[in-house]
Structures are given as C-alpha cells and as structure tokens.
Amino acid sequence: MASHKGEYITHHRHHSISGGVLRSLLDGVMLMCFVLLVLSCTTFAPVKVHAVITAAQISDLNVFYNATGGPNWTMKTNWGDQGAGVCTWYGVKCTGGDMTGLDLVNNNLYGTLSRFTQFTDMKYANLSCNNLYGTIPSGMLNMFYFQTINLSYNSLNGSIPSLGYLKYLDVSHNKLVGSIPSTGSAAHLDLSNNLLTGTIPITLSSSITFLDISSNSLTFGA
C-alpha cells in the first residue's frame, strides 16, 4: 500500500512539474505576442539627419555673406554658426541634408553677387527686393543645377549672361544693359524695367510660356 502511495506521489509530482514548464512556455509566448503587438502599434519619431556641408560650401556662403553686408542684414539668424548647422541659417533651404535654395527676399542685402559654384544641389535663389549692385557673375545663369533665380528690384548693371538650363528668371527693375540674351530652355522670363537695347528676336525659344520685356529701349527685328 505504501509502495502504491509512493508511486502516486512521484507520478503526481512529475505531472505537476510538466504542467509548470508548459505554463511557463505559454506565458513566454503570450509575453512575446504582447511585445510584438505594442511595437507594431508604436510610431517612432524619425531620426534627424544632420546635413553634410563641406568646408568649401561654407566658404562660399561666408563669401556671399560678407560681400552683401551680412552684419547689416535684417535677419541673419545662425549665419556663421557652424555648430548650429548650415540648414538652420536664415534663408537657407535644405532637402535631404543638402542645400537646395536660398531665400533672402527684402533682407537688406547690400553688395555684389556670388556664383555659388560649390552647391551643385542648389535649385533656386530668391534675392529680390534688396540693394544688390554690380554685374551678374559670368556663368551664374548657366549652371546646370539652377532652375529658378529671382534678382528683381535691385540695382544690378551690365549685361544679362546667357541662361543655359534656367527655367525661371526674373531680373526686372534693375539697370541691366545690352540685348536680350540667349534664352536657353527658359519658360518664364521677366526682363522688364531695365535699360536693354537692340532688336527683339522674331523667334524665341519654343519653351517660353511667359515673357515680359516692357519698359526697355528695344525695337522689333526686321
């Protein structure tokens, strides 16, 4: 009788241990499912990627800042502060960590223009309504990466360089001289209110959808 009782106790203990292991496994599986459910329903904040701006590009911006009276700009937040990151500098526009634009409209820029030769991802520059003078740098309007440039309402002089790959150019209300430049592939061209002379070409680029050459001293070609 005692032998049977011992066998029963041993069998019962073995059964209890097996049940405990099974419950532990089930608990582990349920915990894992819960963790996966939480992770699948959680929105994580995107990791901020700092822009990689080269020393040559920073030098380009500093030259422009100094040449246009940067210390006297109306707004100049973070300009010159490399620790803050170039993409935080007032007016600098970035996409995917690269500088793609410069918007300094009506910001009391006073001085001469730079070409921005180091910024091959730069698509547009809007420097209108300032006090820029001197000539438009040779080749600035012919760089393959620029698509839009607005230099209207300044005091620029000299001739207008050929446009090359530009799609949009507004140089109205300046003191530009010479003839209408080669229009390249431009679609929007505003040369109004300047001192342009010569004849208006009978045919212009077929890509042009907007053209304003009013308030100049142009004549129609034969």
Protein backbone atom coordinates (compact mmCIF):
# COMPACT_ATOMS: atom_id res chain seq x y z
CA MET A 1 0.00 0.00 0.00
CA ALA A 2 2.88 2.29 0.88
CA SER A 3 4.56 1.42 -2.43
CA HIS A 4 1.48 2.43 -4.41
CA LYS A 5 1.24 5.63 -2.47
CA GLY A 6 4.86 6.48 -3.26
CA GLU A 7 4.31 5.79 -6.94
CA TYR A 8 1.25 8.04 -6.93
CA ILE A 9 3.17 10.90 -5.25
CA THR A 10 6.08 10.55 -7.71
CA HIS A 11 3.73 10.46 -10.70
CA HIS A 12 1.74 13.43 -9.38
CA ARG A 13 4.92 15.47 -8.77
CA HIS A 14 6.19 14.69 -12.27
CA HIS A 15 2.84 15.72 -13.73
CA SER A 16 2.90 18.99 -11.73
CA ILE A 17 6.43 19.82 -12.89
CA SER A 18 5.48 19.18 -16.53
CA GLY A 19 2.43 21.41 -16.13
CA GLY A 20 4.60 24.19 -14.63
CA VAL A 21 7.02 24.06 -17.58
CA LEU A 22 4.12 24.18 -20.02
CA ARG A 23 2.59 27.19 -18.26
CA SER A 24 5.97 28.97 -18.34
CA LEU A 25 6.26 28.36 -22.08
CA LEU A 26 2.74 29.62 -22.67
CA ASP A 27 3.40 32.71 -20.54
CA GLY A 28 6.57 33.38 -22.56
CA VAL A 29 4.72 33.09 -25.87
CA MET A 30 1.96 35.42 -24.67
CA LEU A 31 4.53 37.97 -23.49
CA MET A 32 6.28 37.86 -26.86
CA CYS A 33 2.98 38.37 -28.70
CA PHE A 34 2.19 41.33 -26.46
CA VAL A 35 5.60 42.95 -27.13
CA LEU A 36 5.19 42.49 -30.89
CA LEU A 37 1.71 43.99 -30.74
CA VAL A 38 2.98 47.05 -28.85
CA LEU A 39 5.85 47.53 -31.28
CA SER A 40 3.55 47.26 -34.30
CA CYS A 41 1.26 49.96 -32.89
CA THR A 42 4.01 52.36 -31.83
CA THR A 43 5.04 55.30 -34.02
CA PHE A 44 8.70 56.16 -33.62
CA ALA A 45 9.99 59.68 -34.20
CA PRO A 46 12.24 59.88 -37.29
CA VAL A 47 15.96 60.14 -36.67
CA LYS A 48 17.18 63.62 -37.52
CA VAL A 49 19.99 63.51 -40.09
CA HIS A 50 22.38 66.40 -39.94
CA ALA A 51 23.31 67.97 -43.24
CA VAL A 52 26.78 67.25 -44.55
CA ILE A 53 28.03 70.61 -45.79
CA THR A 54 31.62 70.78 -46.96
CA ALA A 55 34.20 73.35 -45.91
CA ALA A 56 34.22 74.71 -49.48
CA GLN A 57 30.45 75.24 -49.37
CA ILE A 58 30.65 77.03 -46.02
CA SER A 59 33.38 79.22 -47.51
CA ASP A 60 31.05 80.02 -50.45
CA LEU A 61 28.31 81.14 -48.05
CA ASN A 62 30.69 83.20 -45.95
CA VAL A 63 31.98 84.99 -49.06
CA PHE A 64 28.39 85.78 -50.05
CA TYR A 65 27.52 86.94 -46.52
CA ASN A 66 30.48 89.32 -46.36
CA ALA A 67 30.02 90.58 -49.94
CA THR A 68 26.39 91.54 -49.29
CA GLY A 69 26.82 93.28 -45.93
CA GLY A 70 25.77 90.32 -43.81
CA PRO A 71 26.18 92.03 -40.43
CA ASN A 72 23.58 94.59 -41.54
CA TRP A 73 21.00 92.12 -42.88
CA THR A 74 17.52 92.47 -41.42
CA MET A 75 17.52 88.77 -40.50
CA LYS A 76 20.72 86.74 -40.12
CA THR A 77 19.85 84.03 -37.59
CA ASN A 78 22.66 81.47 -37.14
CA TRP A 79 24.74 82.74 -40.10
CA GLY A 80 28.34 81.80 -39.42
CA ASP A 81 27.41 79.37 -36.64
CA GLN A 82 28.68 76.06 -37.97
CA GLY A 83 27.67 74.29 -34.78
CA ALA A 84 24.02 75.11 -35.44
CA GLY A 85 24.22 73.59 -38.93
CA VAL A 86 24.02 75.47 -42.23
CA CYS A 87 20.43 74.34 -42.78
CA THR A 88 19.38 76.39 -39.74
CA TRP A 89 20.86 79.61 -41.16
CA TYR A 90 18.16 82.13 -42.01
CA GLY A 91 17.00 81.82 -45.63
CA VAL A 92 18.89 78.60 -46.35
CA LYS A 93 16.61 75.82 -47.62
CA CYS A 94 17.65 72.17 -47.44
CA THR A 95 16.26 68.91 -48.78
CA GLY A 96 17.61 65.58 -47.60
CA GLY A 97 20.58 67.23 -45.92
CA ASP A 98 21.68 69.21 -49.00
CA MET A 99 21.30 72.94 -49.53
CA THR A 100 18.81 73.37 -52.36
CA GLY A 101 17.74 77.00 -52.08
CA LEU A 102 18.39 80.48 -50.74
CA ASP A 103 15.51 82.83 -49.95
CA LEU A 104 16.59 86.28 -48.73
CA VAL A 105 13.85 88.49 -50.15
CA ASN A 106 13.77 92.05 -48.81
CA ASN A 107 16.53 91.38 -46.29
CA ASN A 108 18.69 94.49 -46.73
CA LEU A 109 21.40 92.78 -48.75
CA TYR A 110 23.84 95.43 -49.96
CA GLY A 111 26.72 94.44 -52.19
CA THR A 112 27.69 92.18 -55.07
CA LEU A 113 26.62 88.71 -56.13
CA SER A 114 28.41 85.37 -55.78
CA ARG A 115 28.17 82.39 -58.13
CA PHE A 116 27.64 79.62 -55.54
CA THR A 117 29.86 77.27 -57.52
CA GLN A 118 30.09 74.69 -54.72
CA PHE A 119 26.38 73.99 -54.32
CA THR A 120 25.57 71.55 -57.10
CA ASP A 121 22.22 70.63 -55.49
CA MET A 122 21.06 74.25 -55.33
CA LYS A 123 17.89 74.67 -57.37
CA TYR A 124 16.77 78.23 -56.68
CA ALA A 125 17.80 81.60 -55.29
CA ASN A 126 15.43 84.45 -54.50
CA LEU A 127 17.37 87.63 -53.70
CA SER A 128 14.76 90.11 -54.88
CA CYS A 129 13.94 93.47 -53.27
CA ASN A 130 17.42 94.19 -51.94
CA ASN A 131 20.28 96.57 -52.77
CA LEU A 132 22.48 94.34 -54.90
CA TYR A 133 24.65 96.14 -57.44
CA GLY A 134 27.39 95.32 -59.92
CA THR A 135 27.16 92.71 -62.63
CA ILE A 136 25.59 89.27 -62.62
CA PRO A 137 28.57 86.89 -62.34
CA SER A 138 29.57 85.30 -65.62
CA GLY A 139 28.09 81.82 -65.85
CA MET A 140 25.78 82.19 -62.83
CA LEU A 141 22.69 81.80 -65.02
CA ASN A 142 24.23 78.96 -66.99
CA MET A 143 24.90 76.49 -64.18
CA PHE A 144 23.16 73.19 -64.75
CA TYR A 145 21.78 72.93 -61.21
CA PHE A 146 20.00 76.30 -61.02
CA GLN A 147 16.36 76.22 -62.18
CA THR A 148 14.93 79.42 -60.68
CA ILE A 149 16.61 82.77 -60.00
CA ASN A 150 14.85 85.95 -58.91
CA LEU A 151 17.03 89.09 -58.78
CA SER A 152 14.27 91.62 -59.38
CA TYR A 153 14.13 95.04 -57.70
CA ASN A 154 17.85 95.54 -57.19
CA SER A 155 20.45 97.84 -58.81
CA LEU A 156 22.30 95.34 -60.96
CA ASN A 157 24.03 96.62 -64.09
CA GLY A 158 25.96 95.19 -67.00
CA SER A 159 24.58 92.69 -69.48
CA ILE A 160 22.50 89.58 -68.82
CA PRO A 161 24.51 86.35 -69.24
CA SER A 162 23.08 83.53 -71.36
CA LEU A 163 20.57 81.42 -69.47
CA GLY A 164 21.56 77.86 -70.19
CA TYR A 165 19.44 75.46 -68.12
CA LEU A 166 17.38 78.01 -66.18
CA LYS A 167 13.60 77.57 -66.25
CA TYR A 168 12.65 80.78 -64.45
CA LEU A 169 14.46 84.13 -64.45
CA ASP A 170 13.23 87.46 -63.11
CA VAL A 171 15.71 90.35 -63.35
CA SER A 172 13.09 93.07 -63.74
CA HIS A 173 13.53 96.52 -62.20
CA ASN A 174 17.32 96.70 -62.40
CA LYS A 175 19.77 98.72 -64.53
CA LEU A 176 20.79 95.98 -66.91
CA VAL A 177 22.02 96.92 -70.38
CA GLY A 178 22.72 95.20 -73.67
CA SER A 179 20.48 92.96 -75.70
CA ILE A 180 18.14 90.08 -74.90
CA PRO A 181 20.36 87.12 -74.03
CA SER A 182 20.20 83.60 -75.38
CA THR A 183 17.13 82.22 -73.65
CA GLY A 184 18.21 78.60 -73.49
CA SER A 185 15.40 76.42 -72.14
CA ALA A 186 13.74 79.13 -70.03
CA ALA A 187 9.96 79.04 -69.63
CA HIS A 188 9.46 82.22 -67.58
CA LEU A 189 11.49 85.31 -68.48
CA ASP A 190 10.94 88.78 -66.99
CA LEU A 191 13.42 91.40 -68.23
CA SER A 192 11.13 94.38 -67.84
CA ASN A 193 12.11 97.81 -66.50
CA ASN A 194 15.77 97.75 -67.44
CA LEU A 195 17.96 99.60 -69.96
CA LEU A 196 18.05 96.91 -72.63
CA THR A 197 18.61 97.96 -76.25
CA GLY A 198 18.73 96.31 -79.66
CA THR A 199 16.18 94.32 -81.56
CA ILE A 200 13.65 91.84 -80.30
CA PRO A 201 14.27 88.47 -81.97
CA ILE A 202 11.47 87.40 -84.30
CA THR A 203 11.67 83.90 -82.92
CA LEU A 204 12.43 82.94 -79.35
CA SER A 205 12.80 79.59 -77.68
CA SER A 206 9.67 77.45 -78.04
CA SER A 207 9.92 76.65 -74.32
CA ILE A 208 9.00 80.21 -73.27
CA THR A 209 5.48 80.50 -71.83
CA PHE A 210 5.89 83.92 -70.19
CA LEU A 211 7.93 86.86 -71.49
CA ASP A 212 7.95 90.46 -70.27
CA ILE A 213 10.41 92.86 -71.92
CA SER A 214 8.40 96.04 -71.38
CA SER A 215 9.93 99.35 -70.29
CA ASN A 216 13.20 98.94 -72.16
CA SER A 217 14.56 100.55 -75.35
CA LEU A 218 14.06 97.55 -77.60
CA THR A 219 12.88 97.59 -81.22
CA PHE A 220 11.29 94.86 -83.30
CA GLY A 221 13.60 92.98 -85.62
CA ALA A 222 13.09 93.01 -89.35
